[in-house]
Amino acid sequence: MQSLDLVSYFFGGAFFTNAVPHFVTGVAGRAFQSPFAKPRGKGLSSSTVNVLWGCFNLVVAYALVRRAGDFDWRLTSDATAFGSGILLMGLLCARLFGRFHGSDKSTPA
């Protein structure tokens, strides 16, 4: 059962990381890409939609980390799984959002 908990912690980290750009951009009052935009993932959604999407991602992250198992920061395996989800989703978001915001010049828009 421990391995399923680690998978849950990994995805909890990924959802946590995905919540950050949506919530922060929405709170700042700016439009940002979301799954609800047209075209999906490329168009811009309102700041309100992004705040809601960010909060939803935080709730999912909480459920995956705190409710799916017995998460303990002092256990290297738990922290590594959560941190790996953060790192991999962070790299994915940097790559995807960088195309639209000009910070990733290696990938054409």
PDB file of N, CA and C in Angstrom:
ATOM      1  N   MET A   1       0.820  -1.199   0.000  1.00  0.00           N
ATOM      2  CA  MET A   1       0.000   0.000   0.000  1.00  0.00           C
ATOM      3  C   MET A   1       0.865   1.264   0.000  1.00  0.00           C
ATOM      4  N   GLN A   2       2.074   1.190   0.513  1.00  0.00           N
ATOM      5  CA  GLN A   2       2.965   2.350   0.566  1.00  0.00           C
ATOM      6  C   GLN A   2       3.230   2.919  -0.828  1.00  0.00           C
ATOM      7  N   SER A   3       3.371   2.063  -1.834  1.00  0.00           N
ATOM      8  CA  SER A   3       3.664   2.568  -3.179  1.00  0.00           C
ATOM      9  C   SER A   3       2.478   3.365  -3.737  1.00  0.00           C
ATOM     10  N   LEU A   4       1.255   2.967  -3.445  1.00  0.00           N
ATOM     11  CA  LEU A   4       0.095   3.752  -3.882  1.00  0.00           C
ATOM     12  C   LEU A   4       0.043   5.097  -3.167  1.00  0.00           C
ATOM     13  N   ASP A   5       0.455   5.112  -1.910  1.00  0.00           N
ATOM     14  CA  ASP A   5       0.529   6.378  -1.180  1.00  0.00           C
ATOM     15  C   ASP A   5       1.541   7.301  -1.839  1.00  0.00           C
ATOM     16  N   LEU A   6       2.690   6.767  -2.243  1.00  0.00           N
ATOM     17  CA  LEU A   6       3.725   7.585  -2.877  1.00  0.00           C
ATOM     18  C   LEU A   6       3.243   8.142  -4.212  1.00  0.00           C
ATOM     19  N   VAL A   7       2.499   7.358  -4.967  1.00  0.00           N
ATOM     20  CA  VAL A   7       1.921   7.851  -6.218  1.00  0.00           C
ATOM     21  C   VAL A   7       0.941   8.989  -5.918  1.00  0.00           C
ATOM     22  N   SER A   8       0.160   8.835  -4.881  1.00  0.00           N
ATOM     23  CA  SER A   8      -0.784   9.875  -4.479  1.00  0.00           C
ATOM     24  C   SER A   8      -0.041  11.156  -4.088  1.00  0.00           C
ATOM     25  N   TYR A   9       1.061  11.025  -3.352  1.00  0.00           N
ATOM     26  CA  TYR A   9       1.843  12.196  -2.941  1.00  0.00           C
ATOM     27  C   TYR A   9       2.465  12.883  -4.155  1.00  0.00           C
ATOM     28  N   PHE A  10       2.927  12.081  -5.128  1.00  0.00           N
ATOM     29  CA  PHE A  10       3.494  12.635  -6.355  1.00  0.00           C
ATOM     30  C   PHE A  10       2.456  13.503  -7.063  1.00  0.00           C
ATOM     31  N   PHE A  11       1.258  12.961  -7.264  1.00  0.00           N
ATOM     32  CA  PHE A  11       0.220  13.725  -7.948  1.00  0.00           C
ATOM     33  C   PHE A  11      -0.286  14.882  -7.090  1.00  0.00           C
ATOM     34  N   GLY A  12      -0.225  14.733  -5.778  1.00  0.00           N
ATOM     35  CA  GLY A  12      -0.554  15.865  -4.904  1.00  0.00           C
ATOM     36  C   GLY A  12       0.395  17.031  -5.136  1.00  0.00           C
ATOM     37  N   GLY A  13       1.682  16.727  -5.279  1.00  0.00           N
ATOM     38  CA  GLY A  13       2.659  17.769  -5.590  1.00  0.00           C
ATOM     39  C   GLY A  13       2.412  18.400  -6.937  1.00  0.00           C
ATOM     40  N   ALA A  14       2.025  17.589  -7.909  1.00  0.00           N
ATOM     41  CA  ALA A  14       1.737  18.104  -9.248  1.00  0.00           C
ATOM     42  C   ALA A  14       0.524  19.039  -9.219  1.00  0.00           C
ATOM     43  N   PHE A  15      -0.540  18.645  -8.541  1.00  0.00           N
ATOM     44  CA  PHE A  15      -1.725  19.499  -8.449  1.00  0.00           C
ATOM     45  C   PHE A  15      -1.418  20.774  -7.667  1.00  0.00           C
ATOM     46  N   PHE A  16      -0.605  20.657  -6.620  1.00  0.00           N
ATOM     47  CA  PHE A  16      -0.210  21.834  -5.846  1.00  0.00           C
ATOM     48  C   PHE A  16       0.519  22.838  -6.733  1.00  0.00           C
ATOM     49  N   THR A  17       1.461  22.340  -7.539  1.00  0.00           N
ATOM     50  CA  THR A  17       2.219  23.210  -8.424  1.00  0.00           C
ATOM     51  C   THR A  17       1.335  23.839  -9.485  1.00  0.00           C
ATOM     52  N   ASN A  18       0.387  23.088 -10.017  1.00  0.00           N
ATOM     53  CA  ASN A  18      -0.521  23.636 -11.017  1.00  0.00           C
ATOM     54  C   ASN A  18      -1.426  24.708 -10.420  1.00  0.00           C
ATOM     55  N   ALA A  19      -1.715  24.626  -9.136  1.00  0.00           N
ATOM     56  CA  ALA A  19      -2.571  25.624  -8.496  1.00  0.00           C
ATOM     57  C   ALA A  19      -1.901  26.994  -8.442  1.00  0.00           C
ATOM     58  N   VAL A  20      -0.595  27.014  -8.276  1.00  0.00           N
ATOM     59  CA  VAL A  20       0.114  28.275  -8.030  1.00  0.00           C
ATOM     60  C   VAL A  20      -0.046  29.290  -9.166  1.00  0.00           C
ATOM     61  N   PRO A  21       0.304  28.967 -10.422  1.00  0.00           N
ATOM     62  CA  PRO A  21       0.193  30.011 -11.452  1.00  0.00           C
ATOM     63  C   PRO A  21      -1.243  30.473 -11.698  1.00  0.00           C
ATOM     64  N   HIS A  22      -2.190  29.554 -11.601  1.00  0.00           N
ATOM     65  CA  HIS A  22      -3.587  29.934 -11.832  1.00  0.00           C
ATOM     66  C   HIS A  22      -4.096  30.847 -10.723  1.00  0.00           C
ATOM     67  N   PHE A  23      -3.835  30.468  -9.493  1.00  0.00           N
ATOM     68  CA  PHE A  23      -4.323  31.260  -8.365  1.00  0.00           C
ATOM     69  C   PHE A  23      -3.646  32.628  -8.310  1.00  0.00           C
ATOM     70  N   VAL A  24      -2.335  32.645  -8.416  1.00  0.00           N
ATOM     71  CA  VAL A  24      -1.593  33.906  -8.307  1.00  0.00           C
ATOM     72  C   VAL A  24      -1.957  34.864  -9.441  1.00  0.00           C
ATOM     73  N   THR A  25      -2.016  34.359 -10.664  1.00  0.00           N
ATOM     74  CA  THR A  25      -2.370  35.207 -11.799  1.00  0.00           C
ATOM     75  C   THR A  25      -3.810  35.704 -11.663  1.00  0.00           C
ATOM     76  N   GLY A  26      -4.698  34.826 -11.220  1.00  0.00           N
ATOM     77  CA  GLY A  26      -6.087  35.240 -11.034  1.00  0.00           C
ATOM     78  C   GLY A  26      -6.244  36.288  -9.954  1.00  0.00           C
ATOM     79  N   VAL A  27      -5.554  36.112  -8.838  1.00  0.00           N
ATOM     80  CA  VAL A  27      -5.623  37.087  -7.750  1.00  0.00           C
ATOM     81  C   VAL A  27      -5.054  38.435  -8.203  1.00  0.00           C
ATOM     82  N   ALA A  28      -4.064  38.402  -9.093  1.00  0.00           N
ATOM     83  CA  ALA A  28      -3.485  39.637  -9.618  1.00  0.00           C
ATOM     84  C   ALA A  28      -4.414  40.308 -10.637  1.00  0.00           C
ATOM     85  N   GLY A  29      -5.519  39.643 -10.987  1.00  0.00           N
ATOM     86  CA  GLY A  29      -6.494  40.232 -11.881  1.00  0.00           C
ATOM     87  C   GLY A  29      -6.172  40.078 -13.353  1.00  0.00           C
ATOM     88  N   ARG A  30      -5.280  39.149 -13.678  1.00  0.00           N
ATOM     89  CA  ARG A  30      -4.893  38.957 -15.075  1.00  0.00           C
ATOM     90  C   ARG A  30      -5.495  37.673 -15.631  1.00  0.00           C
ATOM     91  N   ALA A  31      -5.743  37.683 -16.933  1.00  0.00           N
ATOM     92  CA  ALA A  31      -6.215  36.487 -17.632  1.00  0.00           C
ATOM     93  C   ALA A  31      -5.040  35.531 -17.806  1.00  0.00           C
ATOM     94  N   PHE A  32      -5.339  34.235 -17.909  1.00  0.00           N
ATOM     95  CA  PHE A  32      -4.297  33.217 -18.010  1.00  0.00           C
ATOM     96  C   PHE A  32      -4.895  31.983 -18.675  1.00  0.00           C
ATOM     97  N   GLN A  33      -4.047  31.142 -19.254  1.00  0.00           N
ATOM     98  CA  GLN A  33      -4.533  29.911 -19.886  1.00  0.00           C
ATOM     99  C   GLN A  33      -5.168  28.997 -18.830  1.00  0.00           C
ATOM    100  N   SER A  34      -6.197  28.301 -19.267  1.00  0.00           N
ATOM    101  CA  SER A  34      -6.808  27.283 -18.410  1.00  0.00           C
ATOM    102  C   SER A  34      -7.476  26.253 -19.309  1.00  0.00           C
ATOM    103  N   PRO A  35      -7.878  25.128 -18.734  1.00  0.00           N
ATOM    104  CA  PRO A  35      -8.569  24.113 -19.532  1.00  0.00           C
ATOM    105  C   PRO A  35      -9.934  24.574 -20.044  1.00  0.00           C
ATOM    106  N   PHE A  36     -10.440  25.687 -19.535  1.00  0.00           N
ATOM    107  CA  PHE A  36     -11.777  26.144 -19.896  1.00  0.00           C
ATOM    108  C   PHE A  36     -11.773  27.189 -21.001  1.00  0.00           C
ATOM    109  N   ALA A  37     -10.590  27.594 -21.456  1.00  0.00           N
ATOM    110  CA  ALA A  37     -10.472  28.629 -22.486  1.00  0.00           C
ATOM    111  C   ALA A  37     -10.736  28.039 -23.859  1.00  0.00           C
ATOM    112  N   LYS A  38     -10.980  28.903 -24.813  1.00  0.00           N
ATOM    113  CA  LYS A  38     -11.121  28.498 -26.211  1.00  0.00           C
ATOM    114  C   LYS A  38      -9.994  29.140 -26.987  1.00  0.00           C
ATOM    115  N   PRO A  39      -9.146  28.442 -27.683  1.00  0.00           N
ATOM    116  CA  PRO A  39      -8.988  26.996 -27.680  1.00  0.00           C
ATOM    117  C   PRO A  39      -8.419  26.511 -26.346  1.00  0.00           C
ATOM    118  N   ARG A  40      -8.782  25.306 -26.004  1.00  0.00           N
ATOM    119  CA  ARG A  40      -8.450  24.709 -24.722  1.00  0.00           C
ATOM    120  C   ARG A  40      -6.944  24.751 -24.454  1.00  0.00           C
ATOM    121  N   GLY A  41      -6.575  25.351 -23.322  1.00  0.00           N
ATOM    122  CA  GLY A  41      -5.178  25.400 -22.910  1.00  0.00           C
ATOM    123  C   GLY A  41      -4.345  26.447 -23.615  1.00  0.00           C
ATOM    124  N   LYS A  42      -4.914  27.104 -24.627  1.00  0.00           N
ATOM    125  CA  LYS A  42      -4.166  28.124 -25.365  1.00  0.00           C
ATOM    126  C   LYS A  42      -4.790  29.499 -25.205  1.00  0.00           C
ATOM    127  N   GLY A  43      -6.117  29.535 -25.186  1.00  0.00           N
ATOM    128  CA  GLY A  43      -6.804  30.809 -24.998  1.00  0.00           C
ATOM    129  C   GLY A  43      -6.718  31.252 -23.547  1.00  0.00           C
ATOM    130  N   LEU A  44      -7.174  32.451 -23.286  1.00  0.00           N
ATOM    131  CA  LEU A  44      -7.120  33.004 -21.937  1.00  0.00           C
ATOM    132  C   LEU A  44      -8.465  32.888 -21.240  1.00  0.00           C
ATOM    133  N   SER A  45      -8.414  32.569 -19.971  1.00  0.00           N
ATOM    134  CA  SER A  45      -9.603  32.554 -19.123  1.00  0.00           C
ATOM    135  C   SER A  45      -9.537  33.754 -18.186  1.00  0.00           C
ATOM    136  N   SER A  46     -10.675  34.170 -17.701  1.00  0.00           N
ATOM    137  CA  SER A  46     -10.739  35.330 -16.809  1.00  0.00           C
ATOM    138  C   SER A  46      -9.998  35.063 -15.506  1.00  0.00           C
ATOM    139  N   SER A  47      -9.720  36.124 -14.796  1.00  0.00           N
ATOM    140  CA  SER A  47      -9.053  35.991 -13.504  1.00  0.00           C
ATOM    141  C   SER A  47      -9.915  35.201 -12.520  1.00  0.00           C
ATOM    142  N   THR A  48     -11.219  35.381 -12.586  1.00  0.00           N
ATOM    143  CA  THR A  48     -12.118  34.649 -11.685  1.00  0.00           C
ATOM    144  C   THR A  48     -12.043  33.147 -11.945  1.00  0.00           C
ATOM    145  N   VAL A  49     -12.072  32.757 -13.204  1.00  0.00           N
ATOM    146  CA  VAL A  49     -11.969  31.335 -13.557  1.00  0.00           C
ATOM    147  C   VAL A  49     -10.646  30.769 -13.052  1.00  0.00           C
ATOM    148  N   ASN A  50      -9.569  31.528 -13.175  1.00  0.00           N
ATOM    149  CA  ASN A  50      -8.266  31.039 -12.737  1.00  0.00           C
ATOM    150  C   ASN A  50      -8.162  30.922 -11.224  1.00  0.00           C
ATOM    151  N   VAL A  51      -8.768  31.830 -10.481  1.00  0.00           N
ATOM    152  CA  VAL A  51      -8.791  31.693  -9.018  1.00  0.00           C
ATOM    153  C   VAL A  51      -9.552  30.426  -8.633  1.00  0.00           C
ATOM    154  N   LEU A  52     -10.696  30.205  -9.269  1.00  0.00           N
ATOM    155  CA  LEU A  52     -11.479  29.000  -8.976  1.00  0.00           C
ATOM    156  C   LEU A  52     -10.715  27.733  -9.354  1.00  0.00           C
ATOM    157  N   TRP A  53     -10.057  27.737 -10.513  1.00  0.00           N
ATOM    158  CA  TRP A  53      -9.287  26.578 -10.958  1.00  0.00           C
ATOM    159  C   TRP A  53      -8.091  26.335 -10.028  1.00  0.00           C
ATOM    160  N   GLY A  54      -7.442  27.400  -9.595  1.00  0.00           N
ATOM    161  CA  GLY A  54      -6.338  27.267  -8.649  1.00  0.00           C
ATOM    162  C   GLY A  54      -6.803  26.681  -7.322  1.00  0.00           C
ATOM    163  N   CYS A  55      -7.927  27.149  -6.822  1.00  0.00           N
ATOM    164  CA  CYS A  55      -8.466  26.615  -5.563  1.00  0.00           C
ATOM    165  C   CYS A  55      -8.868  25.154  -5.708  1.00  0.00           C
ATOM    166  N   PHE A  56      -9.462  24.802  -6.832  1.00  0.00           N
ATOM    167  CA  PHE A  56      -9.811  23.405  -7.073  1.00  0.00           C
ATOM    168  C   PHE A  56      -8.559  22.527  -7.034  1.00  0.00           C
ATOM    169  N   ASN A  57      -7.487  22.982  -7.676  1.00  0.00           N
ATOM    170  CA  ASN A  57      -6.235  22.225  -7.671  1.00  0.00           C
ATOM    171  C   ASN A  57      -5.670  22.087  -6.260  1.00  0.00           C
ATOM    172  N   LEU A  58      -5.811  23.127  -5.442  1.00  0.00           N
ATOM    173  CA  LEU A  58      -5.349  23.040  -4.048  1.00  0.00           C
ATOM    174  C   LEU A  58      -6.152  22.014  -3.251  1.00  0.00           C
ATOM    175  N   VAL A  59      -7.454  21.976  -3.478  1.00  0.00           N
ATOM    176  CA  VAL A  59      -8.304  20.993  -2.785  1.00  0.00           C
ATOM    177  C   VAL A  59      -7.910  19.572  -3.190  1.00  0.00           C
ATOM    178  N   VAL A  60      -7.684  19.354  -4.474  1.00  0.00           N
ATOM    179  CA  VAL A  60      -7.266  18.031  -4.948  1.00  0.00           C
ATOM    180  C   VAL A  60      -5.905  17.664  -4.357  1.00  0.00           C
ATOM    181  N   ALA A  61      -4.974  18.620  -4.335  1.00  0.00           N
ATOM    182  CA  ALA A  61      -3.650  18.365  -3.755  1.00  0.00           C
ATOM    183  C   ALA A  61      -3.777  17.981  -2.281  1.00  0.00           C
ATOM    184  N   TYR A  62      -4.601  18.704  -1.553  1.00  0.00           N
ATOM    185  CA  TYR A  62      -4.818  18.394  -0.137  1.00  0.00           C
ATOM    186  C   TYR A  62      -5.377  16.981   0.030  1.00  0.00           C
ATOM    187  N   ALA A  63      -6.365  16.659  -0.776  1.00  0.00           N
ATOM    188  CA  ALA A  63      -6.986  15.331  -0.681  1.00  0.00           C
ATOM    189  C   ALA A  63      -5.969  14.229  -0.978  1.00  0.00           C
ATOM    190  N   LEU A  64      -5.134  14.453  -1.982  1.00  0.00           N
ATOM    191  CA  LEU A  64      -4.153  13.428  -2.348  1.00  0.00           C
ATOM    192  C   LEU A  64      -3.041  13.271  -1.310  1.00  0.00           C
ATOM    193  N   VAL A  65      -2.661  14.362  -0.679  1.00  0.00           N
ATOM    194  CA  VAL A  65      -1.536  14.297   0.262  1.00  0.00           C
ATOM    195  C   VAL A  65      -1.997  13.970   1.676  1.00  0.00           C
ATOM    196  N   ARG A  66      -3.040  14.594   2.138  1.00  0.00           N
ATOM    197  CA  ARG A  66      -3.436  14.428   3.538  1.00  0.00           C
ATOM    198  C   ARG A  66      -4.487  13.342   3.763  1.00  0.00           C
ATOM    199  N   ARG A  67      -5.255  13.014   2.753  1.00  0.00           N
ATOM    200  CA  ARG A  67      -6.346  12.054   2.943  1.00  0.00           C
ATOM    201  C   ARG A  67      -6.058  10.673   2.371  1.00  0.00           C
ATOM    202  N   ALA A  68      -5.155  10.585   1.414  1.00  0.00           N
ATOM    203  CA  ALA A  68      -4.910   9.298   0.743  1.00  0.00           C
ATOM    204  C   ALA A  68      -4.001   8.384   1.553  1.00  0.00           C
ATOM    205  N   GLY A  69      -3.186   8.937   2.396  1.00  0.00           N
ATOM    206  CA  GLY A  69      -2.263   8.116   3.175  1.00  0.00           C
ATOM    207  C   GLY A  69      -1.915   8.824   4.471  1.00  0.00           C
ATOM    208  N   ASP A  70      -0.813   8.425   5.049  1.00  0.00           N
ATOM    209  CA  ASP A  70      -0.339   9.023   6.299  1.00  0.00           C
ATOM    210  C   ASP A  70       0.946   9.795   5.994  1.00  0.00           C
ATOM    211  N   PHE A  71       0.808  10.921   5.287  1.00  0.00           N
ATOM    212  CA  PHE A  71       1.960  11.705   4.827  1.00  0.00           C
ATOM    213  C   PHE A  71       2.778  12.208   6.006  1.00  0.00           C
ATOM    214  N   ASP A  72       4.093  12.074   5.896  1.00  0.00           N
ATOM    215  CA  ASP A  72       5.008  12.529   6.948  1.00  0.00           C
ATOM    216  C   ASP A  72       6.226  13.170   6.285  1.00  0.00           C
ATOM    217  N   TRP A  73       6.401  14.480   6.511  1.00  0.00           N
ATOM    218  CA  TRP A  73       7.540  15.204   5.938  1.00  0.00           C
ATOM    219  C   TRP A  73       8.872  14.601   6.347  1.00  0.00           C
ATOM    220  N   ARG A  74       8.915  13.951   7.510  1.00  0.00           N
ATOM    221  CA  ARG A  74      10.181  13.396   8.004  1.00  0.00           C
ATOM    222  C   ARG A  74      10.584  12.119   7.292  1.00  0.00           C
ATOM    223  N   LEU A  75       9.674  11.523   6.544  1.00  0.00           N
ATOM    224  CA  LEU A  75      10.013  10.337   5.764  1.00  0.00           C
ATOM    225  C   LEU A  75      10.524  10.762   4.394  1.00  0.00           C
ATOM    226  N   THR A  76      11.729  10.363   4.093  1.00  0.00           N
ATOM    227  CA  THR A  76      12.346  10.758   2.833  1.00  0.00           C
ATOM    228  C   THR A  76      11.511  10.324   1.636  1.00  0.00           C
ATOM    229  N   SER A  77      10.941   9.153   1.687  1.00  0.00           N
ATOM    230  CA  SER A  77      10.149   8.666   0.552  1.00  0.00           C
ATOM    231  C   SER A  77       8.922   9.538   0.311  1.00  0.00           C
ATOM    232  N   ASP A  78       8.250   9.957   1.370  1.00  0.00           N
ATOM    233  CA  ASP A  78       7.069  10.812   1.227  1.00  0.00           C
ATOM    234  C   ASP A  78       7.450  12.173   0.655  1.00  0.00           C
ATOM    235  N   ALA A  79       8.465  12.785   1.238  1.00  0.00           N
ATOM    236  CA  ALA A  79       8.895  14.105   0.784  1.00  0.00           C
ATOM    237  C   ALA A  79       9.442  14.060  -0.642  1.00  0.00           C
ATOM    238  N   THR A  80      10.144  12.988  -0.985  1.00  0.00           N
ATOM    239  CA  THR A  80      10.690  12.849  -2.332  1.00  0.00           C
ATOM    240  C   THR A  80       9.576  12.692  -3.363  1.00  0.00           C
ATOM    241  N   ALA A  81       8.568  11.903  -3.051  1.00  0.00           N
ATOM    242  CA  ALA A  81       7.445  11.723  -3.973  1.00  0.00           C
ATOM    243  C   ALA A  81       6.723  13.053  -4.195  1.00  0.00           C
ATOM    244  N   PHE A  82       6.434  13.780  -3.117  1.00  0.00           N
ATOM    245  CA  PHE A  82       5.762  15.072  -3.220  1.00  0.00           C
ATOM    246  C   PHE A  82       6.629  16.074  -3.989  1.00  0.00           C
ATOM    247  N   GLY A  83       7.898  16.136  -3.646  1.00  0.00           N
ATOM    248  CA  GLY A  83       8.828  17.045  -4.314  1.00  0.00           C
ATOM    249  C   GLY A  83       9.024  16.717  -5.780  1.00  0.00           C
ATOM    250  N   SER A  84       9.015  15.441  -6.121  1.00  0.00           N
ATOM    251  CA  SER A  84       9.147  15.042  -7.527  1.00  0.00           C
ATOM    252  C   SER A  84       7.940  15.498  -8.338  1.00  0.00           C
ATOM    253  N   GLY A  85       6.766  15.405  -7.758  1.00  0.00           N
ATOM    254  CA  GLY A  85       5.566  15.902  -8.427  1.00  0.00           C
ATOM    255  C   GLY A  85       5.647  17.406  -8.646  1.00  0.00           C
ATOM    256  N   ILE A  86       6.152  18.126  -7.641  1.00  0.00           N
ATOM    257  CA  ILE A  86       6.326  19.573  -7.767  1.00  0.00           C
ATOM    258  C   ILE A  86       7.317  19.891  -8.881  1.00  0.00           C
ATOM    259  N   LEU A  87       8.453  19.219  -8.871  1.00  0.00           N
ATOM    260  CA  LEU A  87       9.496  19.481  -9.863  1.00  0.00           C
ATOM    261  C   LEU A  87       9.025  19.178 -11.288  1.00  0.00           C
ATOM    262  N   LEU A  88       8.473  18.007 -11.490  1.00  0.00           N
ATOM    263  CA  LEU A  88       8.062  17.632 -12.844  1.00  0.00           C
ATOM    264  C   LEU A  88       6.923  18.499 -13.376  1.00  0.00           C
ATOM    265  N   MET A  89       5.943  18.805 -12.533  1.00  0.00           N
ATOM    266  CA  MET A  89       4.864  19.685 -12.982  1.00  0.00           C
ATOM    267  C   MET A  89       5.390  21.099 -13.197  1.00  0.00           C
ATOM    268  N   GLY A  90       6.313  21.536 -12.373  1.00  0.00           N
ATOM    269  CA  GLY A  90       6.915  22.853 -12.553  1.00  0.00           C
ATOM    270  C   GLY A  90       7.635  22.963 -13.887  1.00  0.00           C
ATOM    271  N   LEU A  91       8.393  21.932 -14.239  1.00  0.00           N
ATOM    272  CA  LEU A  91       9.083  21.937 -15.529  1.00  0.00           C
ATOM    273  C   LEU A  91       8.084  21.915 -16.690  1.00  0.00           C
ATOM    274  N   LEU A  92       7.044  21.115 -16.552  1.00  0.00           N
ATOM    275  CA  LEU A  92       6.013  21.054 -17.593  1.00  0.00           C
ATOM    276  C   LEU A  92       5.314  22.405 -17.750  1.00  0.00           C
ATOM    277  N   CYS A  93       4.951  23.026 -16.640  1.00  0.00           N
ATOM    278  CA  CYS A  93       4.283  24.336 -16.700  1.00  0.00           C
ATOM    279  C   CYS A  93       5.204  25.394 -17.296  1.00  0.00           C
ATOM    280  N   ALA A  94       6.485  25.360 -16.915  1.00  0.00           N
ATOM    281  CA  ALA A  94       7.440  26.325 -17.464  1.00  0.00           C
ATOM    282  C   ALA A  94       7.530  26.176 -18.974  1.00  0.00           C
ATOM    283  N   ARG A  95       7.532  24.963 -19.428  1.00  0.00           N
ATOM    284  CA  ARG A  95       7.625  24.688 -20.867  1.00  0.00           C
ATOM    285  C   ARG A  95       6.351  25.113 -21.595  1.00  0.00           C
ATOM    286  N   LEU A  96       5.192  24.729 -21.056  1.00  0.00           N
ATOM    287  CA  LEU A  96       3.922  25.046 -21.712  1.00  0.00           C
ATOM    288  C   LEU A  96       3.586  26.528 -21.654  1.00  0.00           C
ATOM    289  N   PHE A  97       3.671  27.129 -20.469  1.00  0.00           N
ATOM    290  CA  PHE A  97       3.304  28.533 -20.326  1.00  0.00           C
ATOM    291  C   PHE A  97       4.368  29.446 -20.905  1.00  0.00           C
ATOM    292  N   GLY A  98       5.613  29.006 -20.933  1.00  0.00           N
ATOM    293  CA  GLY A  98       6.689  29.802 -21.509  1.00  0.00           C
ATOM    294  C   GLY A  98       6.482  30.088 -22.981  1.00  0.00           C
ATOM    295  N   ARG A  99       5.853  29.164 -23.681  1.00  0.00           N
ATOM    296  CA  ARG A  99       5.552  29.380 -25.105  1.00  0.00           C
ATOM    297  C   ARG A  99       4.641  30.578 -25.313  1.00  0.00           C
ATOM    298  N   PHE A 100       3.725  30.798 -24.364  1.00  0.00           N
ATOM    299  CA  PHE A 100       2.738  31.859 -24.513  1.00  0.00           C
ATOM    300  C   PHE A 100       3.193  33.189 -23.930  1.00  0.00           C
ATOM    301  N   HIS A 101       4.155  33.145 -23.029  1.00  0.00           N
ATOM    302  CA  HIS A 101       4.563  34.364 -22.330  1.00  0.00           C
ATOM    303  C   HIS A 101       5.985  34.786 -22.656  1.00  0.00           C
ATOM    304  N   GLY A 102       6.595  34.154 -23.651  1.00  0.00           N
ATOM    305  CA  GLY A 102       7.872  34.605 -24.178  1.00  0.00           C
ATOM    306  C   GLY A 102       9.103  34.233 -23.391  1.00  0.00           C
ATOM    307  N   SER A 103       9.000  33.400 -22.378  1.00  0.00           N
ATOM    308  CA  SER A 103      10.193  33.078 -21.602  1.00  0.00           C
ATOM    309  C   SER A 103      10.876  31.804 -22.064  1.00  0.00           C
ATOM    310  N   ASP A 104      10.273  31.072 -22.981  1.00  0.00           N
ATOM    311  CA  ASP A 104      10.878  29.842 -23.509  1.00  0.00           C
ATOM    312  C   ASP A 104      11.015  30.016 -25.019  1.00  0.00           C
ATOM    313  N   LYS A 105      12.173  30.494 -25.429  1.00  0.00           N
ATOM    314  CA  LYS A 105      12.400  30.798 -26.845  1.00  0.00           C
ATOM    315  C   LYS A 105      12.689  29.567 -27.685  1.00  0.00           C
ATOM    316  N   SER A 106      12.935  28.426 -27.044  1.00  0.00           N
ATOM    317  CA  SER A 106      13.295  27.234 -27.800  1.00  0.00           C
ATOM    318  C   SER A 106      12.112  26.558 -28.474  1.00  0.00           C
ATOM    319  N   THR A 107      10.899  26.839 -28.018  1.00  0.00           N
ATOM    320  CA  THR A 107       9.711  26.211 -28.580  1.00  0.00           C
ATOM    321  C   THR A 107       8.868  27.252 -29.298  1.00  0.00           C
ATOM    322  N   PRO A 108       8.592  27.070 -30.583  1.00  0.00           N
ATOM    323  CA  PRO A 108       7.782  28.049 -31.311  1.00  0.00           C
ATOM    324  C   PRO A 108       6.334  28.070 -30.816  1.00  0.00           C
ATOM    325  N   ALA A 109       5.725  29.221 -30.873  1.00  0.00           N
ATOM    326  CA  ALA A 109       4.336  29.371 -30.407  1.00  0.00           C
ATOM    327  C   ALA A 109       3.353  28.856 -31.424  1.00  0.00           C
TER     328      ALA A 109
END
